[in-house]
PDB file of N, CA and C in Angstrom:
ATOM      1  N   MET A   1     116.148 -44.858  48.531  1.00  0.00           N
ATOM      2  CA  MET A   1     115.664 -43.971  48.670  1.00  0.00           C
ATOM      3  C   MET A   1     113.784 -43.903  48.831  1.00  0.00           C
ATOM      4  N   LEU A   2     113.006 -44.983  48.441  1.00  0.00           N
ATOM      5  CA  LEU A   2     111.902 -45.395  48.440  1.00  0.00           C
ATOM      6  C   LEU A   2     111.527 -45.520  49.937  1.00  0.00           C
ATOM      7  N   GLU A   3     112.276 -46.108  50.754  1.00  0.00           N
ATOM      8  CA  GLU A   3     112.438 -46.484  52.107  1.00  0.00           C
ATOM      9  C   GLU A   3     111.980 -44.967  53.117  1.00  0.00           C
ATOM     10  N   TYR A   4     112.587 -44.157  52.602  1.00  0.00           N
ATOM     11  CA  TYR A   4     112.852 -42.847  53.448  1.00  0.00           C
ATOM     12  C   TYR A   4     111.787 -41.872  53.047  1.00  0.00           C
ATOM     13  N   GLY A   5     110.899 -42.326  51.886  1.00  0.00           N
ATOM     14  CA  GLY A   5     109.810 -41.382  51.933  1.00  0.00           C
ATOM     15  C   GLY A   5     108.586 -42.172  52.643  1.00  0.00           C
ATOM     16  N   GLY A   6     108.570 -43.742  52.909  1.00  0.00           N
ATOM     17  CA  GLY A   6     107.471 -43.824  53.803  1.00  0.00           C
ATOM     18  C   GLY A   6     107.692 -43.363  55.209  1.00  0.00           C
ATOM     19  N   ILE A   7     109.011 -43.284  55.574  1.00  0.00           N
ATOM     20  CA  ILE A   7     109.719 -42.834  57.312  1.00  0.00           C
ATOM     21  C   ILE A   7     109.123 -41.198  57.430  1.00  0.00           C
ATOM     22  N   ILE A   8     109.574 -40.702  56.448  1.00  0.00           N
ATOM     23  CA  ILE A   8     108.980 -38.874  56.705  1.00  0.00           C
ATOM     24  C   ILE A   8     107.785 -38.924  56.146  1.00  0.00           C
ATOM     25  N   GLY A   9     106.714 -39.549  55.307  1.00  0.00           N
ATOM     26  CA  GLY A   9     105.505 -39.552  55.501  1.00  0.00           C
ATOM     27  C   GLY A   9     104.746 -39.895  57.035  1.00  0.00           C
ATOM     28  N   LEU A  10     105.489 -40.914  57.428  1.00  0.00           N
ATOM     29  CA  LEU A  10     104.906 -41.200  58.799  1.00  0.00           C
ATOM     30  C   LEU A  10     105.243 -40.293  59.717  1.00  0.00           C
ATOM     31  N   LEU A  11     106.123 -39.265  59.735  1.00  0.00           N
ATOM     32  CA  LEU A  11     106.619 -38.624  60.419  1.00  0.00           C
ATOM     33  C   LEU A  11     105.818 -37.379  60.654  1.00  0.00           C
ATOM     34  N   VAL A  12     105.376 -36.955  59.229  1.00  0.00           N
ATOM     35  CA  VAL A  12     104.590 -35.906  58.762  1.00  0.00           C
ATOM     36  C   VAL A  12     103.215 -36.022  59.496  1.00  0.00           C
ATOM     37  N   LEU A  13     102.578 -37.450  59.111  1.00  0.00           N
ATOM     38  CA  LEU A  13     101.481 -37.804  59.762  1.00  0.00           C
ATOM     39  C   LEU A  13     101.355 -37.617  61.397  1.00  0.00           C
ATOM     40  N   ILE A  14     102.387 -38.130  61.856  1.00  0.00           N
ATOM     41  CA  ILE A  14     102.482 -37.965  63.422  1.00  0.00           C
ATOM     42  C   ILE A  14     102.390 -36.557  63.952  1.00  0.00           C
ATOM     43  N   ALA A  15     103.268 -35.635  62.992  1.00  0.00           N
ATOM     44  CA  ALA A  15     103.365 -34.303  63.440  1.00  0.00           C
ATOM     45  C   ALA A  15     101.941 -33.464  63.273  1.00  0.00           C
ATOM     46  N   ASP A  16     101.085 -33.964  62.068  1.00  0.00           N
ATOM     47  CA  ASP A  16      99.792 -33.140  62.015  1.00  0.00           C
ATOM     48  C   ASP A  16      98.821 -33.808  62.934  1.00  0.00           C
ATOM     49  N   ILE A  17      98.855 -35.013  63.461  1.00  0.00           N
ATOM     50  CA  ILE A  17      98.015 -35.245  64.301  1.00  0.00           C
ATOM     51  C   ILE A  17      98.104 -34.440  65.845  1.00  0.00           C
ATOM     52  N   TRP A  18      99.746 -34.441  66.046  1.00  0.00           N
ATOM     53  CA  TRP A  18      99.928 -33.406  67.422  1.00  0.00           C
ATOM     54  C   TRP A  18      99.352 -32.158  67.300  1.00  0.00           C
ATOM     55  N   ALA A  19      99.649 -31.484  65.762  1.00  0.00           N
ATOM     56  CA  ALA A  19      99.105 -29.954  65.688  1.00  0.00           C
ATOM     57  C   ALA A  19      97.690 -29.783  65.747  1.00  0.00           C
ATOM     58  N   ILE A  20      96.461 -31.158  65.345  1.00  0.00           N
ATOM     59  CA  ILE A  20      95.245 -31.073  65.304  1.00  0.00           C
ATOM     60  C   ILE A  20      94.807 -31.273  66.657  1.00  0.00           C
ATOM     61  N   VAL A  21      95.405 -32.234  67.604  1.00  0.00           N
ATOM     62  CA  VAL A  21      95.226 -32.412  69.023  1.00  0.00           C
ATOM     63  C   VAL A  21      95.624 -31.026  69.871  1.00  0.00           C
ATOM     64  N   ASN A  22      96.472 -30.357  69.144  1.00  0.00           N
ATOM     65  CA  ASN A  22      96.901 -29.013  69.916  1.00  0.00           C
ATOM     66  C   ASN A  22      95.768 -27.802  69.954  1.00  0.00           C
ATOM     67  N   ILE A  23      95.604 -27.983  68.608  1.00  0.00           N
ATOM     68  CA  ILE A  23      94.409 -26.856  68.177  1.00  0.00           C
ATOM     69  C   ILE A  23      93.420 -27.399  68.716  1.00  0.00           C
ATOM     70  N   MET A  24      92.776 -28.353  68.760  1.00  0.00           N
ATOM     71  CA  MET A  24      91.532 -28.564  69.439  1.00  0.00           C
ATOM     72  C   MET A  24      91.826 -28.312  70.924  1.00  0.00           C
ATOM     73  N   GLY A  25      92.905 -28.484  71.388  1.00  0.00           N
ATOM     74  CA  GLY A  25      93.059 -28.192  73.057  1.00  0.00           C
ATOM     75  C   GLY A  25      93.352 -26.960  72.915  1.00  0.00           C
ATOM     76  N   SER A  26      93.247 -25.905  72.132  1.00  0.00           N
ATOM     77  CA  SER A  26      93.535 -24.194  72.285  1.00  0.00           C
ATOM     78  C   SER A  26      91.964 -23.629  72.680  1.00  0.00           C
ATOM     79  N   GLY A  27      92.526 -22.322  73.088  1.00  0.00           N
ATOM     80  CA  GLY A  27      91.361 -21.509  73.734  1.00  0.00           C
ATOM     81  C   GLY A  27      90.684 -20.885  72.692  1.00  0.00           C
ATOM     82  N   ALA A  28      91.265 -21.126  71.281  1.00  0.00           N
ATOM     83  CA  ALA A  28      90.412 -20.395  70.041  1.00  0.00           C
ATOM     84  C   ALA A  28      89.025 -20.527  69.663  1.00  0.00           C
ATOM     85  N   SER A  29      88.273 -19.983  69.037  1.00  0.00           N
ATOM     86  CA  SER A  29      87.321 -19.874  68.766  1.00  0.00           C
ATOM     87  C   SER A  29      87.029 -21.290  68.094  1.00  0.00           C
ATOM     88  N   THR A  30      85.996 -21.877  68.176  1.00  0.00           N
ATOM     89  CA  THR A  30      85.381 -23.230  67.217  1.00  0.00           C
ATOM     90  C   THR A  30      85.909 -22.927  65.669  1.00  0.00           C
ATOM     91  N   GLY A  31      85.500 -21.331  65.081  1.00  0.00           N
ATOM     92  CA  GLY A  31      85.773 -21.302  63.582  1.00  0.00           C
ATOM     93  C   GLY A  31      87.096 -21.423  63.367  1.00  0.00           C
ATOM     94  N   SER A  32      87.701 -20.593  64.314  1.00  0.00           N
ATOM     95  CA  SER A  32      89.449 -20.559  64.173  1.00  0.00           C
ATOM     96  C   SER A  32      90.056 -22.067  64.397  1.00  0.00           C
ATOM     97  N   LYS A  33      88.970 -23.072  65.072  1.00  0.00           N
ATOM     98  CA  LYS A  33      89.720 -24.281  65.360  1.00  0.00           C
ATOM     99  C   LYS A  33      89.654 -25.024  63.874  1.00  0.00           C
ATOM    100  N   VAL A  34      88.418 -24.742  63.643  1.00  0.00           N
ATOM    101  CA  VAL A  34      88.282 -25.566  62.208  1.00  0.00           C
ATOM    102  C   VAL A  34      88.971 -25.139  61.151  1.00  0.00           C
ATOM    103  N   LEU A  35      89.126 -23.815  60.935  1.00  0.00           N
ATOM    104  CA  LEU A  35      89.979 -23.300  59.738  1.00  0.00           C
ATOM    105  C   LEU A  35      91.228 -24.006  60.007  1.00  0.00           C
ATOM    106  N   TRP A  36      91.934 -23.568  61.156  1.00  0.00           N
ATOM    107  CA  TRP A  36      93.352 -24.144  61.234  1.00  0.00           C
ATOM    108  C   TRP A  36      93.577 -25.861  60.971  1.00  0.00           C
ATOM    109  N   THR A  37      92.207 -26.601  61.406  1.00  0.00           N
ATOM    110  CA  THR A  37      92.481 -28.170  61.151  1.00  0.00           C
ATOM    111  C   THR A  37      92.464 -28.098  59.720  1.00  0.00           C
ATOM    112  N   VAL A  38      91.523 -27.496  58.906  1.00  0.00           N
ATOM    113  CA  VAL A  38      91.283 -27.685  57.562  1.00  0.00           C
ATOM    114  C   VAL A  38      92.689 -27.322  56.866  1.00  0.00           C
ATOM    115  N   LEU A  39      93.483 -26.453  57.380  1.00  0.00           N
ATOM    116  CA  LEU A  39      94.326 -25.872  56.695  1.00  0.00           C
ATOM    117  C   LEU A  39      95.633 -27.142  57.181  1.00  0.00           C
ATOM    118  N   VAL A  40      95.635 -27.627  58.204  1.00  0.00           N
ATOM    119  CA  VAL A  40      96.558 -28.756  58.516  1.00  0.00           C
ATOM    120  C   VAL A  40      96.064 -30.038  57.374  1.00  0.00           C
ATOM    121  N   VAL A  41      94.823 -30.299  57.359  1.00  0.00           N
ATOM    122  CA  VAL A  41      94.603 -31.400  56.881  1.00  0.00           C
ATOM    123  C   VAL A  41      94.867 -31.195  55.129  1.00  0.00           C
ATOM    124  N   VAL A  42      94.712 -30.348  54.588  1.00  0.00           N
ATOM    125  CA  VAL A  42      94.765 -29.935  53.447  1.00  0.00           C
ATOM    126  C   VAL A  42      96.098 -29.522  52.989  1.00  0.00           C
ATOM    127  N   LEU A  43      96.791 -29.032  53.493  1.00  0.00           N
ATOM    128  CA  LEU A  43      98.029 -28.775  53.505  1.00  0.00           C
ATOM    129  C   LEU A  43      99.308 -29.444  54.214  1.00  0.00           C
ATOM    130  N   PRO A  44      99.523 -30.998  54.318  1.00  0.00           N
ATOM    131  CA  PRO A  44     100.072 -31.389  55.453  1.00  0.00           C
ATOM    132  C   PRO A  44     101.173 -30.603  55.891  1.00  0.00           C
ATOM    133  N   VAL A  45     102.238 -30.381  55.229  1.00  0.00           N
ATOM    134  CA  VAL A  45     103.828 -29.882  55.387  1.00  0.00           C
ATOM    135  C   VAL A  45     103.487 -28.609  55.611  1.00  0.00           C
ATOM    136  N   LEU A  46     103.092 -27.684  54.921  1.00  0.00           N
ATOM    137  CA  LEU A  46     102.848 -26.289  54.617  1.00  0.00           C
ATOM    138  C   LEU A  46     101.950 -25.803  55.758  1.00  0.00           C
ATOM    139  N   GLY A  47     100.652 -26.440  56.051  1.00  0.00           N
ATOM    140  CA  GLY A  47      99.776 -26.146  56.898  1.00  0.00           C
ATOM    141  C   GLY A  47     100.344 -26.136  58.250  1.00  0.00           C
ATOM    142  N   LEU A  48     101.466 -26.995  58.405  1.00  0.00           N
ATOM    143  CA  LEU A  48     101.624 -27.372  59.751  1.00  0.00           C
ATOM    144  C   LEU A  48     102.880 -26.681  60.001  1.00  0.00           C
ATOM    145  N   ILE A  49     103.378 -25.968  59.288  1.00  0.00           N
ATOM    146  CA  ILE A  49     104.638 -24.985  59.230  1.00  0.00           C
ATOM    147  C   ILE A  49     103.905 -23.735  59.816  1.00  0.00           C
ATOM    148  N   ILE A  50     103.015 -23.247  58.772  1.00  0.00           N
ATOM    149  CA  ILE A  50     102.096 -21.982  58.801  1.00  0.00           C
ATOM    150  C   ILE A  50     101.333 -21.976  60.650  1.00  0.00           C
ATOM    151  N   TRP A  51     101.092 -23.217  60.830  1.00  0.00           N
ATOM    152  CA  TRP A  51     100.118 -23.263  62.180  1.00  0.00           C
ATOM    153  C   TRP A  51     101.465 -23.145  62.901  1.00  0.00           C
ATOM    154  N   PHE A  52     102.376 -23.991  62.881  1.00  0.00           N
ATOM    155  CA  PHE A  52     103.652 -23.576  64.051  1.00  0.00           C
ATOM    156  C   PHE A  52     103.810 -22.404  64.456  1.00  0.00           C
ATOM    157  N   PHE A  53     104.107 -21.143  63.398  1.00  0.00           N
ATOM    158  CA  PHE A  53     104.475 -20.061  63.500  1.00  0.00           C
ATOM    159  C   PHE A  53     103.282 -18.893  63.958  1.00  0.00           C
ATOM    160  N   ALA A  54     102.209 -19.201  63.326  1.00  0.00           N
ATOM    161  CA  ALA A  54     101.208 -18.321  63.774  1.00  0.00           C
ATOM    162  C   ALA A  54      99.766 -18.858  64.155  1.00  0.00           C
ATOM    163  N   GLY A  55      99.836 -20.048  64.573  1.00  0.00           N
ATOM    164  CA  GLY A  55      98.536 -20.731  65.158  1.00  0.00           C
ATOM    165  C   GLY A  55      98.027 -20.277  66.309  1.00  0.00           C
ATOM    166  N   PRO A  56      97.111 -20.574  67.024  1.00  0.00           N
ATOM    167  CA  PRO A  56      96.836 -20.258  67.975  1.00  0.00           C
ATOM    168  C   PRO A  56      97.487 -20.778  69.207  1.00  0.00           C
ATOM    169  N   ARG A  57      97.730 -20.067  70.309  1.00  0.00           N
ATOM    170  CA  ARG A  57      99.006 -20.409  71.050  1.00  0.00           C
ATOM    171  C   ARG A  57      98.184 -20.878  72.419  1.00  0.00           C
ATOM    172  N   GLY A  58      98.526 -21.444  73.017  1.00  0.00           N
ATOM    173  CA  GLY A  58      98.527 -22.153  74.667  1.00  0.00           C
ATOM    174  C   GLY A  58      96.803 -22.099  75.039  1.00  0.00           C
ATOM    175  N   GLY A  59      96.521 -21.217  75.652  1.00  0.00           N
ATOM    176  CA  GLY A  59      94.994 -20.821  75.783  1.00  0.00           C
ATOM    177  C   GLY A  59      94.529 -22.096  76.644  1.00  0.00           C
ATOM    178  N   ARG A  60      94.887 -22.720  77.297  1.00  0.00           N
ATOM    179  CA  ARG A  60      94.180 -23.884  78.252  1.00  0.00           C
ATOM    180  C   ARG A  60      94.202 -23.260  79.641  1.00  0.00           C
ATOM    181  N   ALA A  61      92.867 -23.420  79.914  1.00  0.00           N
ATOM    182  CA  ALA A  61      92.685 -22.274  81.391  1.00  0.00           C
ATOM    183  C   ALA A  61      93.329 -23.140  82.566  1.00  0.00           C
ATOM    184  N   THR A  62      94.079 -21.875  83.271  1.00  0.00           N
ATOM    185  CA  THR A  62      94.898 -22.310  84.466  1.00  0.00           C
ATOM    186  C   THR A  62      94.546 -21.890  85.859  1.00  0.00           C
ATOM    187  N   ALA A  63      93.506 -21.468  85.997  1.00  0.00           N
ATOM    188  CA  ALA A  63      92.828 -20.544  86.817  1.00  0.00           C
ATOM    189  C   ALA A  63      92.263 -21.457  88.037  1.00  0.00           C
TER     190      ALA A  63
END
């Protein structure tokens, strides 16, 4: 069972890094980006779930 803990931890780390990259690339304000990043870093699993459902969307300029 111990081996699975490491794999799950690695998957959570990868998902958190992906979320932080998407947060930084969003069109949200700087303050909003900082708050979302802090939430994801402090609460890795719960923050990721909250960000997935309520975080800043897209926002990349397509003009």
